[in-house]
C-alpha cells in the first residue's frame, strides 16, 4: 500500500518557526513531527511513502533521506509553487500508482493505527466509492466541523440541520478522484470531495482517539507537553 504524506505547505500560522524550517520538521517530544508518522507507518509494515514538498523542501530531503533510517522507502514529489492538497496529490500520482492509497497531512498528530487503512484500500479497489475520510470531533478552533457523517457511513456537505465532524487530514483515496485535476495547477481538496459526495462516493469513519491539528505554535507546544508526560 502506498502512503502519501502532505508536506508542501508554507505554515504561515506557525511563523516565525517555519521561516527557517518546514512545518513537518518542527520537533515534538524530541523528534520531527513527520518522523512520528514515518515510525507509526513502519511499525505496522507500511513502507512505501511519497512526500510532497515546496517550501524549504530541500531541508526535508536532507533530514529524511531515502527513509531507510526509519525502515521506510521515501520518494519525493517536488512542487514549485505549492499545489495545494488536490493539486499536490494529482502531481504525485505517477509515484502513487493506480491503486487506492493512504494520505496523511504532515501537520497533524494522531494515534490512529494506519494498518486499518489496508482493509479500506481493498474495499475501495472494488467499490464505487472514491474516498474514505477519518473524521474526528470538532476542535475548539473549528467548532462547526467539515462534513456530516450519516448512519450508513457516507459523508455529506455540512448542513445547518445536521451535526458535522472535522476531517482529520487522514484518508484513503482512489486515483480516479483526481482525474479532472491539472497536476501542474494548484487545487484544493474540499470542492472535489463535495462533488464526489453528491454521488455518495465518499465514506467516513468517526475516530474518537487522540488527534491534534498542529497548526499554531501554541498547539505545537501543547502537544509536546502531552507527549512528554505520556512518555
Protein backbone atom coordinates (compact mmCIF):
# COMPACT_ATOMS: atom_id res chain seq x y z
CA UNK A 1 0.00 0.00 0.00
CA UNK A 2 1.31 3.41 -0.98
CA UNK A 3 1.13 6.29 1.51
CA UNK A 4 1.49 9.99 0.77
CA UNK A 5 2.44 12.49 3.46
CA UNK A 6 1.49 16.07 2.60
CA UNK A 7 4.35 18.39 3.50
CA UNK A 8 4.30 21.23 0.97
CA UNK A 9 2.52 23.94 2.97
CA UNK A 10 4.22 27.18 3.96
CA UNK A 11 2.93 27.07 7.55
CA UNK A 12 2.01 30.76 7.78
CA UNK A 13 0.31 30.39 11.17
CA UNK A 14 3.48 28.78 12.52
CA UNK A 15 5.73 31.72 11.73
CA UNK A 16 8.37 32.57 12.78
CA UNK A 17 9.08 28.87 13.49
CA UNK A 18 8.58 28.00 9.83
CA UNK A 19 10.68 30.82 8.43
CA UNK A 20 13.73 28.56 8.51
CA UNK A 21 12.22 25.08 8.93
CA UNK A 22 9.37 23.32 7.09
CA UNK A 23 6.45 22.67 9.44
CA UNK A 24 6.71 18.85 9.33
CA UNK A 25 10.24 19.10 10.74
CA UNK A 26 9.18 21.03 13.84
CA UNK A 27 10.12 18.93 16.87
CA UNK A 28 7.54 17.20 19.05
CA UNK A 29 8.74 15.13 22.01
CA UNK A 30 12.30 15.11 20.74
CA UNK A 31 11.73 14.28 17.08
CA UNK A 32 10.30 15.99 13.97
CA UNK A 33 6.54 15.77 13.62
CA UNK A 34 6.80 13.91 10.31
CA UNK A 35 9.05 11.28 11.89
CA UNK A 36 6.18 10.30 14.19
CA UNK A 37 4.20 9.47 11.03
CA UNK A 38 7.05 7.52 9.46
CA UNK A 39 7.67 5.49 12.60
CA UNK A 40 3.98 4.70 13.03
CA UNK A 41 3.76 3.55 9.41
CA UNK A 42 6.90 1.42 9.71
CA UNK A 43 5.64 -0.16 12.94
CA UNK A 44 2.76 -1.80 11.06
CA UNK A 45 4.78 -2.73 7.99
CA UNK A 46 3.76 0.13 5.69
CA UNK A 47 6.98 1.16 3.98
CA UNK A 48 6.27 2.81 0.61
CA UNK A 49 5.97 6.57 1.22
CA UNK A 50 5.69 9.58 -1.07
CA UNK A 51 6.31 13.01 0.45
CA UNK A 52 5.50 16.19 -1.43
CA UNK A 53 7.26 19.43 -0.65
CA UNK A 54 7.69 23.01 -1.78
CA UNK A 55 8.74 25.47 0.94
CA UNK A 56 12.24 24.52 2.18
CA UNK A 57 11.76 21.10 0.65
CA UNK A 58 15.50 20.51 0.47
CA UNK A 59 15.56 20.52 4.27
CA UNK A 60 13.06 17.65 4.32
CA UNK A 61 15.17 15.63 1.90
CA UNK A 62 18.33 16.33 3.90
CA UNK A 63 16.69 15.27 7.16
CA UNK A 64 14.77 12.22 5.96
CA UNK A 65 16.90 10.98 3.06
CA UNK A 66 15.63 7.82 1.42
CA UNK A 67 13.80 6.83 4.60
CA UNK A 68 15.96 3.80 5.36
CA UNK A 69 16.81 5.10 8.83
CA UNK A 70 13.08 4.85 9.61
CA UNK A 71 12.58 1.48 7.86
CA UNK A 72 10.59 3.04 5.02
CA UNK A 73 11.34 3.89 1.38
CA UNK A 74 10.67 7.56 0.56
CA UNK A 75 10.10 9.11 -2.84
CA UNK A 76 9.71 12.88 -3.14
CA UNK A 77 7.20 14.81 -5.21
CA UNK A 78 8.65 18.28 -5.68
CA UNK A 79 6.36 21.28 -6.25
CA UNK A 80 7.20 24.81 -7.30
CA UNK A 81 4.99 26.53 -6.36
CA UNK A 82 2.96 24.53 -3.83
CA UNK A 83 -0.10 22.97 -5.49
CA UNK A 84 -2.48 22.71 -2.51
CA UNK A 85 -3.87 19.35 -1.45
CA UNK A 86 -5.70 18.05 -4.53
CA UNK A 87 -3.13 19.52 -6.89
CA UNK A 88 -0.30 18.03 -4.88
CA UNK A 89 -1.89 14.59 -4.90
CA UNK A 90 -2.59 14.79 -8.64
CA UNK A 91 1.03 15.81 -9.22
CA UNK A 92 2.24 12.79 -7.24
CA UNK A 93 0.01 10.19 -8.94
CA UNK A 94 2.85 8.86 -11.16
CA UNK A 95 4.61 7.85 -7.93
CA UNK A 96 1.47 6.55 -6.22
CA UNK A 97 0.29 4.20 -8.95
CA UNK A 98 -3.21 3.16 -9.97
CA UNK A 99 -4.40 1.62 -6.69
CA UNK A 100 -6.10 3.39 -3.75
CA UNK A 101 -3.59 4.96 -1.36
CA UNK A 102 -3.41 6.44 2.12
CA UNK A 103 -2.85 10.19 2.56
CA UNK A 104 -1.75 11.84 5.82
CA UNK A 105 -1.38 15.56 6.45
CA UNK A 106 2.14 16.20 7.68
CA UNK A 107 0.93 18.76 10.23
CA UNK A 108 -1.41 16.55 12.27
CA UNK A 109 -0.69 14.12 15.07
CA UNK A 110 -2.95 11.14 15.65
CA UNK A 111 -2.72 7.78 17.43
CA UNK A 112 -4.91 6.06 14.82
CA UNK A 113 -3.48 2.77 13.58
CA UNK A 114 -2.71 3.13 9.84
CA UNK A 115 -2.97 -0.65 9.40
CA UNK A 116 -6.74 -0.10 9.35
CA UNK A 117 -6.27 1.62 6.00
CA UNK A 118 -5.33 -1.68 4.37
CA UNK A 119 -8.89 -3.02 4.51
CA UNK A 120 -10.20 0.34 3.26
CA UNK A 121 -7.79 0.25 0.31
CA UNK A 122 -9.00 -3.24 -0.58
CA UNK A 123 -12.64 -2.15 -0.39
CA UNK A 124 -12.17 0.99 -2.48
CA UNK A 125 -10.43 -1.04 -5.14
CA UNK A 126 -13.72 -2.81 -5.96
CA UNK A 127 -16.17 -0.15 -4.79
CA UNK A 128 -17.88 2.84 -6.42
CA UNK A 129 -16.55 4.95 -3.53
CA UNK A 130 -13.61 7.20 -4.37
CA UNK A 131 -12.58 8.31 -0.90
CA UNK A 132 -12.67 7.39 2.78
CA UNK A 133 -12.01 10.06 5.40
CA UNK A 134 -11.08 9.74 9.05
CA UNK A 135 -13.34 12.15 10.94
CA UNK A 136 -12.86 13.47 14.47
CA UNK A 137 -14.77 15.55 17.00
CA UNK A 138 -14.63 19.25 16.26
CA UNK A 139 -11.72 21.00 18.00
CA UNK A 140 -12.18 24.41 19.66
CA UNK A 141 -10.62 26.24 16.71
CA UNK A 142 -13.04 24.57 14.26
CA UNK A 143 -16.35 24.21 16.12
CA UNK A 144 -18.62 23.87 13.08
CA UNK A 145 -16.80 20.92 11.55
CA UNK A 146 -16.45 19.99 7.89
CA UNK A 147 -18.85 17.24 6.82
CA UNK A 148 -21.87 15.30 8.04
CA UNK A 149 -21.43 11.55 8.56
CA UNK A 150 -24.68 9.61 8.12
CA UNK A 151 -25.69 6.35 9.79
CA UNK A 152 -24.59 4.32 6.74
CA UNK A 153 -21.05 5.70 6.83
CA UNK A 154 -21.31 8.19 3.97
CA UNK A 155 -20.20 11.80 4.17
CA UNK A 156 -22.20 14.81 3.02
CA UNK A 157 -21.53 18.56 2.78
CA UNK A 158 -22.19 20.38 6.02
CA UNK A 159 -25.82 21.36 6.57
CA UNK A 160 -27.44 23.60 9.16
CA UNK A 161 -29.76 20.86 10.44
CA UNK A 162 -27.19 18.04 10.69
CA UNK A 163 -24.20 17.64 13.02
CA UNK A 164 -20.80 17.84 11.38
CA UNK A 165 -17.42 16.35 12.20
CA UNK A 166 -13.92 17.55 11.32
CA UNK A 167 -11.76 15.91 8.68
CA UNK A 168 -8.65 14.63 10.46
CA UNK A 169 -6.34 15.12 7.48
CA UNK A 170 -6.08 11.34 7.08
CA UNK A 171 -7.86 9.49 4.30
CA UNK A 172 -7.76 6.83 1.62
CA UNK A 173 -8.29 7.94 -1.97
CA UNK A 174 -8.82 6.26 -5.31
CA UNK A 175 -6.72 7.83 -8.08
CA UNK A 176 -9.86 8.32 -10.18
CA UNK A 177 -10.97 11.08 -7.80
CA UNK A 178 -8.21 13.30 -9.22
CA UNK A 179 -8.65 12.56 -12.93
CA UNK A 180 -10.06 16.06 -13.58
CA UNK A 181 -7.24 17.89 -11.77
CA UNK A 182 -4.41 19.52 -13.72
CA UNK A 183 -1.26 18.14 -12.00
CA UNK A 184 0.59 21.39 -12.58
CA UNK A 185 -2.01 23.77 -11.16
CA UNK A 186 -2.96 24.46 -7.51
CA UNK A 187 -6.26 22.86 -6.50
CA UNK A 188 -7.92 22.47 -3.06
CA UNK A 189 -9.36 19.16 -1.91
CA UNK A 190 -12.67 20.23 -0.33
CA UNK A 191 -14.54 21.16 -3.56
CA UNK A 192 -13.50 17.85 -5.10
CA UNK A 193 -14.80 15.95 -2.08
CA UNK A 194 -18.10 17.83 -2.02
CA UNK A 195 -18.65 17.00 -5.69
CA UNK A 196 -17.97 13.30 -5.01
CA UNK A 197 -20.31 13.38 -2.01
CA UNK A 198 -23.09 14.27 -4.42
CA UNK A 199 -22.84 10.76 -5.89
CA UNK A 200 -22.37 9.02 -2.49
CA UNK A 201 -18.75 8.34 -3.33
CA UNK A 202 -17.14 9.44 -0.05
CA UNK A 203 -17.18 7.24 3.03
CA UNK A 204 -16.19 8.27 6.53
CA UNK A 205 -15.32 6.89 9.94
CA UNK A 206 -15.66 8.69 13.28
CA UNK A 207 -12.44 8.25 15.23
CA UNK A 208 -12.51 9.16 18.92
CA UNK A 209 -8.86 8.68 19.84
CA UNK A 210 -6.16 11.34 20.19
CA UNK A 211 -5.79 13.85 17.36
CA UNK A 212 -4.23 17.29 17.09
CA UNK A 213 -4.10 19.75 14.24
CA UNK A 214 -0.66 21.18 14.91
CA UNK A 215 -1.47 24.50 13.28
CA UNK A 216 -0.06 27.11 15.67
CA UNK A 217 2.99 27.41 17.96
CA UNK A 218 0.64 27.14 20.95
CA UNK A 219 -0.85 23.83 19.78
CA UNK A 220 2.63 22.55 18.95
CA UNK A 221 3.77 23.34 22.50
CA UNK A 222 0.64 21.73 23.99
CA UNK A 223 1.20 18.53 22.02
CA UNK A 224 4.86 18.46 23.01
CA UNK A 225 3.92 18.68 26.69
CA UNK A 226 1.27 15.96 26.34
CA UNK A 227 3.60 13.51 24.65
CA UNK A 228 6.43 14.17 27.08
CA UNK A 229 4.12 13.44 30.01
CA UNK A 230 2.80 10.30 28.33
CA UNK A 231 6.31 9.00 27.65
